[in-house]
PDB file of N, CA and C in Angstrom:
ATOM      1  N   MET A   1     139.856 149.072  69.453  1.00  0.00           N
ATOM      2  CA  MET A   1     139.424 147.747  69.835  1.00  0.00           C
ATOM      3  C   MET A   1     140.339 146.689  69.242  1.00  0.00           C
ATOM      4  N   LYS A   2     140.747 146.894  67.985  1.00  0.00           N
ATOM      5  CA  LYS A   2     141.614 145.931  67.338  1.00  0.00           C
ATOM      6  C   LYS A   2     143.002 145.926  67.974  1.00  0.00           C
ATOM      7  N   ILE A   3     143.473 147.087  68.438  1.00  0.00           N
ATOM      8  CA  ILE A   3     144.773 147.182  69.091  1.00  0.00           C
ATOM      9  C   ILE A   3     144.743 146.421  70.413  1.00  0.00           C
ATOM     10  N   LEU A   4     143.661 146.528  71.144  1.00  0.00           N
ATOM     11  CA  LEU A   4     143.524 145.812  72.403  1.00  0.00           C
ATOM     12  C   LEU A   4     143.539 144.307  72.158  1.00  0.00           C
ATOM     13  N   SER A   5     142.893 143.873  71.124  1.00  0.00           N
ATOM     14  CA  SER A   5     142.828 142.458  70.819  1.00  0.00           C
ATOM     15  C   SER A   5     144.201 141.906  70.471  1.00  0.00           C
ATOM     16  N   SER A   6     144.967 142.648  69.650  1.00  0.00           N
ATOM     17  CA  SER A   6     146.279 142.145  69.262  1.00  0.00           C
ATOM     18  C   SER A   6     147.251 142.193  70.433  1.00  0.00           C
ATOM     19  N   SER A   7     147.145 143.200  71.286  1.00  0.00           N
ATOM     20  CA  SER A   7     148.048 143.260  72.445  1.00  0.00           C
ATOM     21  C   SER A   7     147.697 142.162  73.448  1.00  0.00           C
ATOM     22  N   LEU A   8     146.419 141.879  73.621  1.00  0.00           N
ATOM     23  CA  LEU A   8     146.007 140.801  74.514  1.00  0.00           C
ATOM     24  C   LEU A   8     146.498 139.460  73.975  1.00  0.00           C
ATOM     25  N   ARG A   9     146.425 139.286  72.675  1.00  0.00           N
ATOM     26  CA  ARG A   9     146.900 138.055  72.051  1.00  0.00           C
ATOM     27  C   ARG A   9     148.406 137.909  72.270  1.00  0.00           C
ATOM     28  N   PHE A  10     149.155 139.006  72.152  1.00  0.00           N
ATOM     29  CA  PHE A  10     150.598 138.977  72.366  1.00  0.00           C
ATOM     30  C   PHE A  10     150.929 138.622  73.810  1.00  0.00           C
ATOM     31  N   VAL A  11     150.204 139.193  74.752  1.00  0.00           N
ATOM     32  CA  VAL A  11     150.449 138.915  76.173  1.00  0.00           C
ATOM     33  C   VAL A  11     150.164 137.450  76.481  1.00  0.00           C
ATOM     34  N   LEU A  12     149.081 136.945  75.966  1.00  0.00           N
ATOM     35  CA  LEU A  12     148.736 135.541  76.218  1.00  0.00           C
ATOM     36  C   LEU A  12     149.744 134.591  75.588  1.00  0.00           C
ATOM     37  N   ALA A  13     150.197 134.895  74.383  1.00  0.00           N
ATOM     38  CA  ALA A  13     151.194 134.055  73.725  1.00  0.00           C
ATOM     39  C   ALA A  13     152.510 134.087  74.483  1.00  0.00           C
ATOM     40  N   THR A  14     152.912 135.258  74.939  1.00  0.00           N
ATOM     41  CA  THR A  14     154.156 135.381  75.698  1.00  0.00           C
ATOM     42  C   THR A  14     154.053 134.627  77.020  1.00  0.00           C
ATOM     43  N   ALA A  15     152.926 134.759  77.692  1.00  0.00           N
ATOM     44  CA  ALA A  15     152.730 134.044  78.957  1.00  0.00           C
ATOM     45  C   ALA A  15     152.746 132.534  78.724  1.00  0.00           C
ATOM     46  N   GLY A  16     152.170 132.086  77.642  1.00  0.00           N
ATOM     47  CA  GLY A  16     152.174 130.660  77.329  1.00  0.00           C
ATOM     48  C   GLY A  16     153.569 130.135  77.081  1.00  0.00           C
ATOM     49  N   ILE A  17     154.375 130.909  76.369  1.00  0.00           N
ATOM     50  CA  ILE A  17     155.751 130.487  76.095  1.00  0.00           C
ATOM     51  C   ILE A  17     156.563 130.444  77.378  1.00  0.00           C
ATOM     52  N   VAL A  18     156.398 131.448  78.229  1.00  0.00           N
ATOM     53  CA  VAL A  18     157.134 131.486  79.494  1.00  0.00           C
ATOM     54  C   VAL A  18     156.739 130.308  80.377  1.00  0.00           C
ATOM     55  N   LEU A  19     155.442 130.026  80.476  1.00  0.00           N
ATOM     56  CA  LEU A  19     154.990 128.911  81.308  1.00  0.00           C
ATOM     57  C   LEU A  19     155.459 127.566  80.750  1.00  0.00           C
ATOM     58  N   ALA A  20     155.419 127.418  79.427  1.00  0.00           N
ATOM     59  CA  ALA A  20     155.846 126.160  78.828  1.00  0.00           C
ATOM     60  C   ALA A  20     157.341 125.940  79.020  1.00  0.00           C
ATOM     61  N   SER A  21     158.138 126.979  78.857  1.00  0.00           N
ATOM     62  CA  SER A  21     159.578 126.811  79.023  1.00  0.00           C
ATOM     63  C   SER A  21     159.931 126.555  80.485  1.00  0.00           C
ATOM     64  N   GLY A  22     159.205 127.154  81.394  1.00  0.00           N
ATOM     65  CA  GLY A  22     159.441 126.897  82.807  1.00  0.00           C
ATOM     66  C   GLY A  22     159.041 125.490  83.206  1.00  0.00           C
ATOM     67  N   GLY A  23     157.976 124.997  82.628  1.00  0.00           N
ATOM     68  CA  GLY A  23     157.526 123.638  82.924  1.00  0.00           C
ATOM     69  C   GLY A  23     158.450 122.587  82.351  1.00  0.00           C
ATOM     70  N   LEU A  24     159.068 122.880  81.223  1.00  0.00           N
ATOM     71  CA  LEU A  24     159.961 121.911  80.621  1.00  0.00           C
ATOM     72  C   LEU A  24     161.252 121.742  81.397  1.00  0.00           C
ATOM     73  N   SER A  25     161.668 122.775  82.114  1.00  0.00           N
ATOM     74  CA  SER A  25     162.904 122.643  82.879  1.00  0.00           C
ATOM     75  C   SER A  25     162.701 121.737  84.094  1.00  0.00           C
ATOM     76  N   LEU A  26     161.468 121.531  84.522  1.00  0.00           N
ATOM     77  CA  LEU A  26     161.196 120.675  85.667  1.00  0.00           C
ATOM     78  C   LEU A  26     161.082 119.203  85.292  1.00  0.00           C
ATOM     79  N   VAL A  27     160.963 118.908  84.029  1.00  0.00           N
ATOM     80  CA  VAL A  27     160.762 117.531  83.579  1.00  0.00           C
ATOM     81  C   VAL A  27     162.111 116.838  83.491  1.00  0.00           C
ATOM     82  N   GLN A  28     162.223 115.676  84.121  1.00  0.00           N
ATOM     83  CA  GLN A  28     163.456 114.895  84.064  1.00  0.00           C
ATOM     84  C   GLN A  28     163.097 113.453  83.776  1.00  0.00           C
ATOM     85  N   ALA A  29     163.992 112.766  83.084  1.00  0.00           N
ATOM     86  CA  ALA A  29     163.766 111.367  82.750  1.00  0.00           C
ATOM     87  C   ALA A  29     163.997 110.495  83.970  1.00  0.00           C
ATOM     88  N   GLN A  30     163.320 109.373  84.005  1.00  0.00           N
ATOM     89  CA  GLN A  30     163.474 108.431  85.104  1.00  0.00           C
ATOM     90  C   GLN A  30     164.727 107.587  84.861  1.00  0.00           C
ATOM     91  N   GLY A  31     165.415 107.238  85.919  1.00  0.00           N
ATOM     92  CA  GLY A  31     166.621 106.417  85.819  1.00  0.00           C
ATOM     93  C   GLY A  31     166.296 105.013  85.346  1.00  0.00           C
ATOM     94  N   PRO A  32     167.329 104.229  84.997  1.00  0.00           N
ATOM     95  CA  PRO A  32     167.086 102.896  84.448  1.00  0.00           C
ATOM     96  C   PRO A  32     166.463 101.927  85.443  1.00  0.00           C
ATOM     97  N   GLY A  33     166.694 102.102  86.726  1.00  0.00           N
ATOM     98  CA  GLY A  33     166.072 101.231  87.731  1.00  0.00           C
ATOM     99  C   GLY A  33     166.665  99.839  87.720  1.00  0.00           C
ATOM    100  N   SER A  34     165.954  98.877  88.315  1.00  0.00           N
ATOM    101  CA  SER A  34     166.476  97.515  88.444  1.00  0.00           C
ATOM    102  C   SER A  34     166.159  96.662  87.231  1.00  0.00           C
ATOM    103  N   GLY A  35     165.300  97.127  86.367  1.00  0.00           N
ATOM    104  CA  GLY A  35     164.954  96.332  85.191  1.00  0.00           C
ATOM    105  C   GLY A  35     163.706  95.506  85.420  1.00  0.00           C
ATOM    106  N   GLY A  36     163.635  94.801  86.513  1.00  0.00           N
ATOM    107  CA  GLY A  36     162.457  94.014  86.848  1.00  0.00           C
ATOM    108  C   GLY A  36     162.297  92.799  85.951  1.00  0.00           C
ATOM    109  N   PRO A  37     161.272  92.010  86.182  1.00  0.00           N
ATOM    110  CA  PRO A  37     161.053  90.815  85.370  1.00  0.00           C
ATOM    111  C   PRO A  37     160.580  91.188  83.971  1.00  0.00           C
ATOM    112  N   THR A  38     160.923  90.361  83.021  1.00  0.00           N
ATOM    113  CA  THR A  38     160.468  90.607  81.658  1.00  0.00           C
ATOM    114  C   THR A  38     159.027  90.137  81.532  1.00  0.00           C
ATOM    115  N   PRO A  39     158.141  90.951  80.976  1.00  0.00           N
ATOM    116  CA  PRO A  39     156.741  90.547  80.853  1.00  0.00           C
ATOM    117  C   PRO A  39     156.569  89.476  79.781  1.00  0.00           C
ATOM    118  N   THR A  40     155.670  88.555  80.052  1.00  0.00           N
ATOM    119  CA  THR A  40     155.384  87.520  79.060  1.00  0.00           C
ATOM    120  C   THR A  40     154.290  88.022  78.139  1.00  0.00           C
ATOM    121  N   PRO A  41     154.429  87.782  76.844  1.00  0.00           N
ATOM    122  CA  PRO A  41     153.381  88.243  75.923  1.00  0.00           C
ATOM    123  C   PRO A  41     152.091  87.455  76.154  1.00  0.00           C
ATOM    124  N   THR A  42     150.983  88.151  76.160  1.00  0.00           N
ATOM    125  CA  THR A  42     149.700  87.497  76.378  1.00  0.00           C
ATOM    126  C   THR A  42     148.860  87.611  75.114  1.00  0.00           C
ATOM    127  N   ALA A  43     148.097  86.600  74.858  1.00  0.00           N
ATOM    128  CA  ALA A  43     147.213  86.590  73.703  1.00  0.00           C
ATOM    129  C   ALA A  43     145.976  87.426  74.022  1.00  0.00           C
ATOM    130  N   VAL A  44     145.573  88.257  73.084  1.00  0.00           N
ATOM    131  CA  VAL A  44     144.411  89.112  73.269  1.00  0.00           C
ATOM    132  C   VAL A  44     143.262  88.546  72.441  1.00  0.00           C
ATOM    133  N   PRO A  45     142.162  88.155  73.075  1.00  0.00           N
ATOM    134  CA  PRO A  45     141.041  87.603  72.320  1.00  0.00           C
ATOM    135  C   PRO A  45     140.256  88.720  71.621  1.00  0.00           C
ATOM    136  N   ILE A  46     140.345  88.787  70.318  1.00  0.00           N
ATOM    137  CA  ILE A  46     139.609  89.804  69.566  1.00  0.00           C
ATOM    138  C   ILE A  46     138.484  89.178  68.756  1.00  0.00           C
ATOM    139  N   ASP A  47     138.308  87.876  68.875  1.00  0.00           N
ATOM    140  CA  ASP A  47     137.320  87.187  68.055  1.00  0.00           C
ATOM    141  C   ASP A  47     135.902  87.626  68.378  1.00  0.00           C
ATOM    142  N   GLY A  48     135.559  87.763  69.655  1.00  0.00           N
ATOM    143  CA  GLY A  48     134.195  88.117  70.025  1.00  0.00           C
ATOM    144  C   GLY A  48     133.806  89.491  69.523  1.00  0.00           C
ATOM    145  N   GLY A  49     134.658  90.486  69.747  1.00  0.00           N
ATOM    146  CA  GLY A  49     134.358  91.845  69.311  1.00  0.00           C
ATOM    147  C   GLY A  49     134.377  91.983  67.805  1.00  0.00           C
ATOM    148  N   ALA A  50     135.333  91.313  67.159  1.00  0.00           N
ATOM    149  CA  ALA A  50     135.434  91.410  65.706  1.00  0.00           C
ATOM    150  C   ALA A  50     134.225  90.763  65.032  1.00  0.00           C
ATOM    151  N   SER A  51     133.760  89.637  65.569  1.00  0.00           N
ATOM    152  CA  SER A  51     132.612  88.975  64.957  1.00  0.00           C
ATOM    153  C   SER A  51     131.340  89.804  65.161  1.00  0.00           C
ATOM    154  N   LEU A  52     131.212  90.473  66.305  1.00  0.00           N
ATOM    155  CA  LEU A  52     130.052  91.337  66.516  1.00  0.00           C
ATOM    156  C   LEU A  52     130.073  92.528  65.566  1.00  0.00           C
ATOM    157  N   LEU A  53     131.254  93.126  65.361  1.00  0.00           N
ATOM    158  CA  LEU A  53     131.364  94.241  64.419  1.00  0.00           C
ATOM    159  C   LEU A  53     131.070  93.790  62.992  1.00  0.00           C
ATOM    160  N   LEU A  54     131.535  92.606  62.640  1.00  0.00           N
ATOM    161  CA  LEU A  54     131.271  92.078  61.302  1.00  0.00           C
ATOM    162  C   LEU A  54     129.778  91.829  61.101  1.00  0.00           C
ATOM    163  N   ALA A  55     129.114  91.248  62.103  1.00  0.00           N
ATOM    164  CA  ALA A  55     127.682  90.995  62.007  1.00  0.00           C
ATOM    165  C   ALA A  55     126.899  92.302  61.923  1.00  0.00           C
ATOM    166  N   ALA A  56     127.309  93.304  62.693  1.00  0.00           N
ATOM    167  CA  ALA A  56     126.633  94.599  62.644  1.00  0.00           C
ATOM    168  C   ALA A  56     126.825  95.239  61.277  1.00  0.00           C
ATOM    169  N   GLY A  57     128.019  95.112  60.705  1.00  0.00           N
ATOM    170  CA  GLY A  57     128.276  95.669  59.378  1.00  0.00           C
ATOM    171  C   GLY A  57     127.445  94.999  58.299  1.00  0.00           C
ATOM    172  N   VAL A  58     127.313  93.688  58.381  1.00  0.00           N
ATOM    173  CA  VAL A  58     126.491  92.957  57.410  1.00  0.00           C
ATOM    174  C   VAL A  58     125.027  93.368  57.547  1.00  0.00           C
ATOM    175  N   GLY A  59     124.546  93.470  58.777  1.00  0.00           N
ATOM    176  CA  GLY A  59     123.163  93.882  58.998  1.00  0.00           C
ATOM    177  C   GLY A  59     122.901  95.294  58.503  1.00  0.00           C
ATOM    178  N   PHE A  60     123.828  96.207  58.748  1.00  0.00           N
ATOM    179  CA  PHE A  60     123.675  97.578  58.286  1.00  0.00           C
ATOM    180  C   PHE A  60     123.700  97.641  56.758  1.00  0.00           C
ATOM    181  N   GLY A  61     124.577  96.851  56.148  1.00  0.00           N
ATOM    182  CA  GLY A  61     124.648  96.816  54.688  1.00  0.00           C
ATOM    183  C   GLY A  61     123.364  96.278  54.075  1.00  0.00           C
ATOM    184  N   LEU A  62     122.800  95.239  54.679  1.00  0.00           N
ATOM    185  CA  LEU A  62     121.544  94.682  54.176  1.00  0.00           C
ATOM    186  C   LEU A  62     120.401  95.683  54.321  1.00  0.00           C
ATOM    187  N   LYS A  63     120.369  96.404  55.428  1.00  0.00           N
ATOM    188  CA  LYS A  63     119.332  97.414  55.622  1.00  0.00           C
ATOM    189  C   LYS A  63     119.445  98.508  54.573  1.00  0.00           C
ATOM    190  N   LYS A  64     120.658  98.955  54.316  1.00  0.00           N
ATOM    191  CA  LYS A  64     120.865 100.009  53.309  1.00  0.00           C
ATOM    192  C   LYS A  64     120.479  99.514  51.918  1.00  0.00           C
ATOM    193  N   LEU A  65     120.792  98.258  51.632  1.00  0.00           N
ATOM    194  CA  LEU A  65     120.439  97.672  50.327  1.00  0.00           C
ATOM    195  C   LEU A  65     118.922  97.580  50.178  1.00  0.00           C
ATOM    196  N   ARG A  66     118.234  97.150  51.222  1.00  0.00           N
ATOM    197  CA  ARG A  66     116.761  97.079  51.152  1.00  0.00           C
ATOM    198  C   ARG A  66     116.135  98.456  51.015  1.00  0.00           C
ATOM    199  N   ASP A  67     116.665  99.440  51.760  1.00  0.00           N
ATOM    200  CA  ASP A  67     116.147 100.798  51.649  1.00  0.00           C
ATOM    201  C   ASP A  67     116.369 101.363  50.250  1.00  0.00           C
ATOM    202  N   HIS A  68     117.493 101.058  49.656  1.00  0.00           N
ATOM    203  CA  HIS A  68     117.795 101.563  48.314  1.00  0.00           C
ATOM    204  C   HIS A  68     116.869 100.914  47.276  1.00  0.00           C
ATOM    205  N   ARG A  69     116.549  99.632  47.449  1.00  0.00           N
ATOM    206  CA  ARG A  69     115.678  98.947  46.488  1.00  0.00           C
ATOM    207  C   ARG A  69     114.231  99.398  46.609  1.00  0.00           C
ATOM    208  N   LYS A  70     113.814  99.895  47.786  1.00  0.00           N
ATOM    209  CA  LYS A  70     112.431 100.367  47.955  1.00  0.00           C
ATOM    210  C   LYS A  70     112.182 101.647  47.177  1.00  0.00           C
ATOM    211  N   ARG A  71     113.195 102.453  46.922  1.00  0.00           N
ATOM    212  CA  ARG A  71     113.012 103.720  46.209  1.00  0.00           C
ATOM    213  C   ARG A  71     112.760 103.526  44.763  1.00  0.00           C
TER     214      ARG A  71
END
C-alpha cells in the first residue's frame, strides 16, 4: 500500500511538472503598444470607511472594558 502511494505521488508530481513547463512555453509578454494617454492620479476618499472602523474599534474596546470590569 505504501509503495502504491509513493508511486502515485511520483506520477502526479511528474505530470504537474510536465504540464507546468508546457504551459510556460505558451506564455508571451505583450508588446509595448501605442502607450496611450497617461492616467491622471485620482484622490481616493478613505475618510468614511476609516472613521467607521475607528468608531467600531472604540465601541468594541469599551464593550471589552465593561465586560472585564464586571468580573
